[in-house]
N, C-alpha and C. Protein backbone atom coordinates (compact mmCIF):
# COMPACT_ATOMS: atom_id res chain seq x y z
N MET A 1 0.70 -1.16 -0.24
CA MET A 1 0.19 0.03 -0.12
C MET A 1 0.74 1.61 -0.07
N ALA A 2 0.52 2.40 -0.79
CA ALA A 2 1.49 3.52 -0.74
C ALA A 2 1.11 4.29 0.54
N ASP A 3 2.08 5.04 0.88
CA ASP A 3 2.11 5.58 1.77
C ASP A 3 1.54 6.92 1.37
N PRO A 4 0.49 7.40 2.48
CA PRO A 4 -0.61 8.34 1.93
C PRO A 4 0.09 10.07 2.49
N TYR A 5 1.11 9.96 3.49
CA TYR A 5 1.82 10.89 3.97
C TYR A 5 3.17 11.27 3.01
N LYS A 6 3.49 10.80 2.01
CA LYS A 6 4.57 10.82 1.13
C LYS A 6 4.83 12.14 0.52
N ASN A 7 3.76 12.77 0.14
CA ASN A 7 3.84 14.15 -0.32
C ASN A 7 3.30 15.27 0.20
N LEU A 8 3.00 14.71 1.60
CA LEU A 8 2.44 15.81 2.61
C LEU A 8 3.34 16.88 2.93
N SER A 9 4.82 16.94 2.76
CA SER A 9 5.63 18.17 3.21
C SER A 9 5.52 18.90 1.95
N ALA A 10 5.43 18.13 0.83
CA ALA A 10 5.38 19.17 -0.62
C ALA A 10 4.04 20.06 -0.40
N MET A 11 2.96 19.30 -0.23
CA MET A 11 1.91 19.97 -0.46
C MET A 11 1.75 21.21 0.72
N GLN A 12 2.05 20.70 1.76
CA GLN A 12 2.04 22.06 2.98
C GLN A 12 3.18 23.22 2.69
N THR A 13 4.26 22.83 1.92
CA THR A 13 5.07 24.00 1.61
C THR A 13 4.41 24.53 0.42
N ALA A 14 3.94 24.05 -0.60
CA ALA A 14 3.08 24.85 -1.85
C ALA A 14 1.87 25.58 -1.21
N TRP A 15 1.09 24.99 -0.05
CA TRP A 15 0.02 25.71 0.26
C TRP A 15 0.47 26.79 1.16
N MET A 16 1.56 26.72 1.61
CA MET A 16 1.99 28.23 2.64
C MET A 16 2.36 29.01 1.34
N GLN A 17 3.25 28.47 0.47
CA GLN A 17 3.84 29.75 -0.27
C GLN A 17 2.46 30.12 -1.02
N ALA A 18 1.59 29.60 -1.51
CA ALA A 18 0.45 30.12 -2.08
C ALA A 18 -0.43 31.20 -0.97
N TRP A 19 -0.59 30.72 0.22
CA TRP A 19 -1.15 31.52 1.16
C TRP A 19 -0.30 32.89 1.48
N ALA A 20 1.11 32.69 1.52
CA ALA A 20 2.06 33.86 1.59
C ALA A 20 1.75 34.89 0.45
N ASN A 21 1.62 34.16 -0.53
CA ASN A 21 1.68 35.14 -2.07
C ASN A 21 0.23 35.75 -2.00
N SER A 22 -0.69 35.16 -1.58
CA SER A 22 -2.18 35.70 -1.66
C SER A 22 -2.35 36.94 -0.63
N ALA A 23 -1.80 36.50 0.92
CA ALA A 23 -1.68 37.35 1.64
C ALA A 23 -0.84 38.89 1.21
N GLN A 24 0.42 38.66 0.69
CA GLN A 24 1.16 39.82 0.03
C GLN A 24 0.48 40.49 -1.13
N GLN A 25 -0.57 39.91 -1.85
CA GLN A 25 -1.30 40.61 -2.92
C GLN A 25 -2.41 41.48 -2.01
N MET A 26 -2.93 40.74 -1.15
CA MET A 26 -4.08 41.26 -0.42
C MET A 26 -3.42 43.04 0.35
N PHE A 27 -2.29 42.56 0.93
CA PHE A 27 -1.99 43.86 1.74
C PHE A 27 -1.33 44.94 0.66
N GLN A 28 -1.00 44.52 -0.31
CA GLN A 28 -0.51 45.69 -1.53
C GLN A 28 -1.96 46.33 -2.14
N CYS A 29 -2.98 45.61 -2.01
CA CYS A 29 -4.24 46.05 -2.48
C CYS A 29 -4.81 47.02 -1.26
N TRP A 30 -4.57 46.67 -0.38
CA TRP A 30 -5.19 47.62 0.79
C TRP A 30 -4.38 48.83 0.87
N GLN A 31 -2.89 48.71 0.70
CA GLN A 31 -2.27 49.82 0.62
C GLN A 31 -2.44 50.68 -0.64
N HIS A 32 -2.83 50.16 -1.83
CA HIS A 32 -3.18 51.06 -3.04
C HIS A 32 -4.73 51.86 -2.49
N VAL A 33 -5.40 51.30 -1.84
CA VAL A 33 -7.00 51.89 -1.49
C VAL A 33 -6.29 52.92 -0.44
N PHE A 34 -5.61 52.79 0.45
CA PHE A 34 -5.42 53.83 1.58
C PHE A 34 -4.48 55.05 0.91
N ASN A 35 -3.68 54.59 -0.19
CA ASN A 35 -3.09 55.73 -0.87
C ASN A 35 -3.95 56.50 -1.83
N MET A 36 -4.77 55.75 -2.23
CA MET A 36 -5.95 56.47 -3.14
C MET A 36 -6.71 57.25 -2.30
N GLN A 37 -7.12 56.79 -1.05
CA GLN A 37 -7.91 57.49 -0.06
C GLN A 37 -7.27 59.09 0.41
N GLN A 38 -5.92 58.86 0.88
CA GLN A 38 -5.20 59.80 1.06
C GLN A 38 -5.21 60.92 0.25
N GLY A 39 -4.96 60.47 -1.13
CA GLY A 39 -4.76 61.26 -2.30
C GLY A 39 -6.41 62.39 -2.50
N PHE A 40 -7.40 61.55 -2.19
CA PHE A 40 -8.75 62.04 -2.36
C PHE A 40 -8.92 63.17 -1.29
N LEU A 41 -8.54 62.73 -0.12
CA LEU A 41 -8.75 63.65 1.01
C LEU A 41 -7.91 64.98 0.80
N LYS A 42 -6.65 64.93 0.55
CA LYS A 42 -5.82 65.84 0.15
C LYS A 42 -6.30 66.75 -1.01
N HIS A 43 -6.70 66.06 -1.93
CA HIS A 43 -7.49 66.95 -3.03
C HIS A 43 -8.59 67.53 -2.56
N ALA A 44 -9.39 67.20 -1.74
CA ALA A 44 -10.63 67.72 -1.14
C ALA A 44 -10.34 68.81 -0.01
N ASP A 45 -9.12 68.61 0.27
CA ASP A 45 -8.75 70.01 1.33
C ASP A 45 -8.49 71.09 0.44
N ILE A 46 -8.00 71.06 -0.72
CA ILE A 46 -7.50 72.13 -1.45
C ILE A 46 -9.00 73.07 -1.83
N HIS A 47 -10.33 72.40 -1.82
CA HIS A 47 -11.52 73.14 -2.37
C HIS A 47 -12.28 73.20 -1.10
N HIS A 48 -11.78 73.22 0.01
CA HIS A 48 -12.42 73.64 1.30
C HIS A 48 -12.82 75.02 1.22
N ARG A 49 -13.85 75.20 1.74
CA ARG A 49 -14.45 76.61 1.90
C ARG A 49 -14.00 76.94 3.56
N GLU A 50 -13.37 78.04 3.57
CA GLU A 50 -13.08 78.69 4.98
C GLU A 50 -14.38 79.13 5.86
N HIS A 51 -15.39 79.70 5.34
CA HIS A 51 -16.66 80.19 5.78
C HIS A 51 -17.74 79.63 5.17
N VAL A 52 -18.67 79.01 6.18
CA VAL A 52 -19.99 78.49 5.49
C VAL A 52 -20.93 78.99 6.55
N GLU A 53 -22.02 79.82 5.79
CA GLU A 53 -22.92 80.37 6.62
C GLU A 53 -24.18 79.26 6.85
N ILE A 54 -24.24 79.15 8.14
CA ILE A 54 -25.26 78.34 8.44
C ILE A 54 -26.82 79.09 8.59
N ALA A 55 -27.69 78.70 7.94
CA ALA A 55 -28.94 79.07 8.07
C ALA A 55 -29.97 79.00 9.00
N SER A 56 -30.41 79.90 9.60
CA SER A 56 -31.20 79.85 11.03
C SER A 56 -32.77 80.14 10.58
N GLY A 57 -33.07 80.30 9.18
CA GLY A 57 -34.54 80.67 8.95
C GLY A 57 -34.90 81.59 8.03
N ALA A 58 -36.13 81.50 7.69
CA ALA A 58 -36.32 82.49 6.53
C ALA A 58 -36.56 83.89 7.51
N SER A 59 -35.54 84.66 7.35
CA SER A 59 -35.59 86.11 7.65
C SER A 59 -34.85 86.95 6.60
N LEU A 60 -35.17 88.09 6.87
CA LEU A 60 -34.79 89.16 5.84
C LEU A 60 -33.13 89.20 5.29
N THR A 61 -32.55 88.81 6.47
CA THR A 61 -31.01 89.06 6.29
C THR A 61 -30.33 87.49 6.04
N ASP A 62 -31.21 86.49 6.27
CA ASP A 62 -30.62 85.32 6.01
C ASP A 62 -30.30 84.78 4.50
N LYS A 63 -29.35 83.99 4.44
CA LYS A 63 -28.83 83.34 3.06
C LYS A 63 -29.89 82.98 2.46
N TYR A 64 -30.89 82.04 2.98
CA TYR A 64 -32.03 81.66 2.47
C TYR A 64 -33.18 82.47 2.39
N GLY A 65 -32.99 83.52 2.97
CA GLY A 65 -34.52 84.41 3.21
C GLY A 65 -34.26 85.57 2.85
N LYS A 66 -33.56 85.83 1.63
CA LYS A 66 -33.73 87.08 1.04
C LYS A 66 -34.55 87.32 0.03
N ARG A 67 -35.56 88.37 0.21
CA ARG A 67 -36.62 88.39 -0.58
C ARG A 67 -36.62 88.90 -1.95
N SER A 68 -35.09 89.25 -2.33
CA SER A 68 -35.00 89.69 -3.63
C SER A 68 -34.81 88.71 -4.53
N HIS A 69 -34.42 87.69 -4.12
CA HIS A 69 -34.36 86.14 -4.82
C HIS A 69 -35.59 85.19 -4.85
N ASP A 70 -36.65 85.66 -4.07
CA ASP A 70 -37.72 85.06 -3.89
C ASP A 70 -38.65 85.02 -5.39
N ILE A 71 -39.45 84.02 -5.40
CA ILE A 71 -40.31 84.24 -6.66
C ILE A 71 -41.60 84.98 -6.52
N ASP A 72 -41.63 85.94 -7.18
CA ASP A 72 -43.02 86.73 -7.18
C ASP A 72 -44.06 86.46 -8.54
N PRO A 73 -44.85 85.73 -7.95
CA PRO A 73 -45.92 85.03 -8.94
C PRO A 73 -46.72 86.13 -9.96
N GLU A 74 -47.14 87.17 -9.46
CA GLU A 74 -47.44 88.31 -10.23
C GLU A 74 -46.32 88.91 -11.26
N ARG A 75 -45.08 88.69 -11.06
CA ARG A 75 -43.95 89.22 -12.02
C ARG A 75 -43.99 88.17 -12.88
N ASP A 76 -43.80 86.93 -12.46
CA ASP A 76 -43.03 85.76 -13.16
C ASP A 76 -43.96 85.01 -14.30
N VAL A 77 -45.25 85.71 -14.06
CA VAL A 77 -46.28 84.77 -14.87
C VAL A 77 -46.23 85.27 -16.37
């Protein structure tokens, strides 16, 4: 009867090499994702606005409540 454990060492070595290669590839993919995310965040920082007005409601002096920009149904018809 043939020895079933004859090639066990070779199989384990091949399995470990395959696992090491796949783990290395996975970490390279994660490194690429993190580098792309950092580049995106640096690019977004360039276009960041320094001052952003927060609307408090419809008032005459508020950003969204200026009456000169409101729709006038009598004039726009």
